[in-house]
Structure formats: C-alpha cells, structure tokens
Protein backbone atom coordinates (compact mmCIF):
# COMPACT_ATOMS: atom_id res chain seq x y z
CA UNK A 1 98.15 121.52 106.28
CA UNK A 2 94.96 122.14 104.40
CA UNK A 3 94.76 121.35 100.97
CA UNK A 4 92.19 122.76 99.09
CA UNK A 5 90.67 121.51 95.71
CA UNK A 6 92.95 123.41 93.27
CA UNK A 7 95.80 122.14 95.29
CA UNK A 8 94.92 118.39 94.79
CA UNK A 9 94.51 118.87 91.25
CA UNK A 10 97.77 120.17 90.98
CA UNK A 11 99.33 117.17 92.78
CA UNK A 12 97.43 114.56 91.04
CA UNK A 13 98.75 116.30 87.83
CA UNK A 14 102.26 116.17 89.03
CA UNK A 15 101.77 112.43 89.98
CA UNK A 16 100.25 111.57 86.43
CA UNK A 17 103.18 113.45 84.48
CA UNK A 18 105.81 111.71 86.79
CA UNK A 19 104.36 108.04 86.86
CA UNK A 20 102.37 107.97 83.59
CA UNK A 21 98.78 106.64 83.24
CA UNK A 22 99.63 102.94 83.29
CA UNK A 23 101.76 102.88 86.36
CA UNK A 24 99.28 105.21 88.28
CA UNK A 25 96.51 102.04 89.10
CA UNK A 26 99.41 99.75 90.35
CA UNK A 27 100.77 102.60 92.36
CA UNK A 28 97.48 103.69 94.18
CA UNK A 29 96.89 99.82 94.78
CA UNK A 30 100.10 99.52 96.35
CA UNK A 31 99.78 102.41 98.57
CA UNK A 32 96.17 101.01 99.51
CA UNK A 33 97.84 97.63 100.51
CA UNK A 34 100.46 99.65 102.38
CA UNK A 35 98.02 101.70 104.46
CA UNK A 36 95.75 98.18 105.22
CA UNK A 37 98.96 96.63 106.45
CA UNK A 38 99.79 99.73 108.70
CA UNK A 39 96.41 99.84 110.02
CA UNK A 40 96.70 95.87 110.80
CA UNK A 41 99.80 96.46 112.36
CA UNK A 42 98.78 99.10 114.80
CA UNK A 43 95.53 96.97 115.62
CA UNK A 44 97.81 93.81 116.53
CA UNK A 45 100.13 96.22 118.81
CA UNK A 46 97.22 97.61 120.63
CA UNK A 47 95.62 94.37 121.01
CA UNK A 48 98.76 92.94 122.09
CA UNK A 49 99.51 95.98 124.71
CA UNK A 50 96.17 95.53 126.20
CA UNK A 51 96.92 91.81 126.41
CA UNK A 52 100.13 92.49 128.10
CA UNK A 53 98.55 95.14 130.54
CA UNK A 54 95.91 92.72 131.85
CA UNK A 55 98.23 90.46 133.24
CA UNK A 56 99.63 92.89 135.77
C-alpha cells in the first residue's frame, strides 16, 4: 500500500477534523508511546527466545 503526498495530506486533514487541533498532540504522543512499548516488547521477546534457545 503506497501512499503518496496528496493521500497523506488528505488523511491528516480528516484526522484534524475528527480529533481537533487541541487533541492532536496528545494523540500523537500516545501513538508514539504505544509504538515504543511495542518495539520494547518485540525486543524483549527476541532476547527471551534467544536465551531459551541457548540452553538446548
């Protein structure tokens, strides 16, 4: 799914209309935190899996 510049602008305008300008920074911050936690969880899972595999 390739998104061009015009598609991204349209999506951003829709998000701005739905959530409003005041809630947009809070929404972006929460999305960033969720992404960070997801990556940390993936990395923890990988390190746990490699530790479990080393004992065999």
